[in-house]
Protein backbone atom coordinates (compact mmCIF):
# COMPACT_ATOMS: atom_id res chain seq x y z
CA LEU A 1 4.67 27.01 14.88
CA TYR A 2 6.13 24.24 13.06
CA PHE A 3 5.40 20.47 13.32
CA SER A 4 6.97 17.37 12.10
CA ALA A 5 4.59 14.45 11.58
CA GLN A 6 6.21 10.60 12.41
CA GLU A 7 5.20 9.95 8.46
CA GLY A 8 8.48 12.55 8.07
CA ILE A 9 5.71 15.42 7.06
CA LEU A 10 6.61 18.72 7.94
CA ILE A 11 3.94 21.38 8.85
CA PHE A 12 3.43 25.23 9.30
CA TYR A 13 0.27 26.08 10.97
CA HIS A 14 0.00 30.01 10.87
CA ILE A 15 -2.29 31.00 13.94
CA LYS A 16 -4.20 34.33 14.59
CA GLU A 17 -5.57 34.42 17.32
CA LEU A 18 -8.51 32.09 17.57
CA GLN A 19 -8.26 30.48 14.19
CA TYR A 20 -5.90 28.89 12.67
CA GLU A 21 -4.25 27.53 8.53
CA MET A 22 -2.17 24.44 8.08
CA LYS A 23 -0.02 24.00 5.59
CA ILE A 24 2.56 20.75 4.38
CA CYS A 25 5.10 22.19 3.61
CA ALA A 26 7.39 18.39 2.98
CA ASP A 27 7.55 15.31 3.22
CA ILE A 28 10.90 13.12 3.61
CA SER A 29 9.58 10.15 4.23
CA GLN A 30 11.64 9.33 7.17
CA PRO A 31 10.56 10.25 10.66
CA ILE A 32 11.71 13.73 11.80
CA CYS A 33 13.60 13.70 15.32
CA SER A 34 14.23 17.32 15.57
CA LEU A 35 13.39 20.90 14.07
CA ILE A 36 16.28 23.16 14.29
CA PHE A 37 15.84 26.87 13.63
CA SER A 38 19.25 28.04 12.56
CA PRO A 39 20.15 31.10 14.65
CA ASP A 40 19.11 34.25 12.22
CA TYR A 41 15.75 31.96 11.85
CA THR A 42 16.32 31.57 8.04
CA SER A 43 16.71 27.85 7.42
CA LEU A 44 15.24 25.08 9.63
CA LEU A 45 17.21 22.13 9.73
CA LEU A 46 15.52 18.78 10.15
CA VAL A 47 17.41 15.50 11.29
CA THR A 48 16.25 12.08 11.34
CA ASP A 49 17.37 8.87 13.69
CA GLN A 50 18.84 7.00 10.93
CA GLY A 51 21.30 10.12 10.07
CA THR A 52 19.94 11.89 7.42
CA VAL A 53 19.72 15.97 7.73
CA TYR A 54 17.45 17.97 5.76
CA SER A 55 17.25 21.77 4.97
CA TYR A 56 14.06 23.94 4.78
CA LYS A 57 14.27 27.95 4.29
CA PRO A 58 10.76 29.02 5.31
CA ALA A 59 11.15 31.88 3.36
CA HIS A 60 11.66 30.00 0.20
CA SER A 61 8.67 27.57 0.52
CA GLY A 62 10.13 25.17 -1.52
CA GLU A 63 11.33 21.35 -0.94
CA ALA A 64 13.54 20.62 2.10
CA VAL A 65 17.16 19.51 0.31
CA LYS A 66 18.97 16.35 1.89
CA LEU A 67 22.09 18.02 3.09
CA LEU A 68 23.89 14.84 4.83
CA ASP A 69 23.42 11.36 5.22
CA THR A 70 25.17 9.71 7.70
CA SER A 71 24.05 6.62 7.67
CA SER A 72 24.66 5.65 11.03
CA SER A 73 22.03 3.52 12.82
CA CYS A 74 24.18 5.38 16.34
CA PHE A 75 23.30 9.16 15.23
CA LEU A 76 22.01 10.90 17.92
CA ALA A 77 21.41 14.45 16.92
CA ALA A 78 22.72 18.09 14.95
CA ASP A 79 22.58 21.19 14.99
CA PHE A 80 24.13 24.38 13.53
CA LEU A 81 27.78 25.34 14.36
CA THR A 82 27.16 29.45 15.18
CA PRO A 83 28.14 32.16 14.16
CA GLY A 84 26.60 31.81 10.84
CA ASN A 85 24.36 28.85 8.99
CA ASN A 86 27.38 27.50 7.43
CA TYR A 87 28.26 24.65 9.24
CA CYS A 88 26.24 22.00 10.76
CA VAL A 89 27.73 19.85 13.78
CA SER A 90 26.23 16.19 14.77
CA VAL A 91 27.15 13.46 17.52
CA THR A 92 26.73 9.52 17.06
CA ILE A 93 25.64 7.79 20.35
CA SER A 94 29.52 6.28 20.49
CA GLY A 95 30.43 9.74 21.52
CA GLU A 96 31.77 11.17 18.07
CA VAL A 97 31.46 15.16 17.35
CA GLN A 98 31.13 15.45 13.44
CA VAL A 99 31.01 18.97 11.44
CA TRP A 100 29.52 19.24 8.06
CA SER A 101 29.44 22.31 5.83
CA LEU A 102 25.65 23.22 4.96
CA GLU A 103 26.57 24.68 1.85
CA ASP A 104 27.47 20.77 -0.03
CA GLY A 105 27.33 18.48 3.24
CA THR A 106 31.10 17.82 2.64
CA PHE A 107 32.52 16.03 5.92
CA LEU A 108 34.91 18.36 7.73
CA SER A 109 36.17 17.08 10.97
CA LYS A 110 35.72 15.53 13.69
CA LEU A 111 36.76 14.32 17.29
CA ASN A 112 36.03 11.55 19.83
CA LEU A 113 35.07 12.11 22.95
CA ASP A 114 35.77 8.40 24.11
CA THR A 115 32.30 8.39 26.08
CA GLU A 116 28.69 7.60 25.00
CA VAL A 117 26.37 10.06 24.33
CA HIS A 118 23.17 10.81 26.01
CA VAL A 119 20.18 12.78 25.24
């Protein structure tokens, strides 16, 4: 079970029967608004409400790596663009959908929906 605390800490709980073990995986020092696993469960996106997206690879147990920073106060959400784990799609409250490369955080494309978006 992966869990994020308001302080920006990613925590893993390994639960077996009535026992559990807690491990702090990453500290990104920004409140995490969502955690999204890739379709093959090899990567975890950590999304902040400030528009920063980090990648964490559970099998490697390393630090979270900053992939992109939209620096947008109207950033709403992000997710993997499937199939594969190479691209991310984000959306702003104003309705701008953006596509990013997860390899280096390069902005690739955008589409304006011309409508306000809500979750």
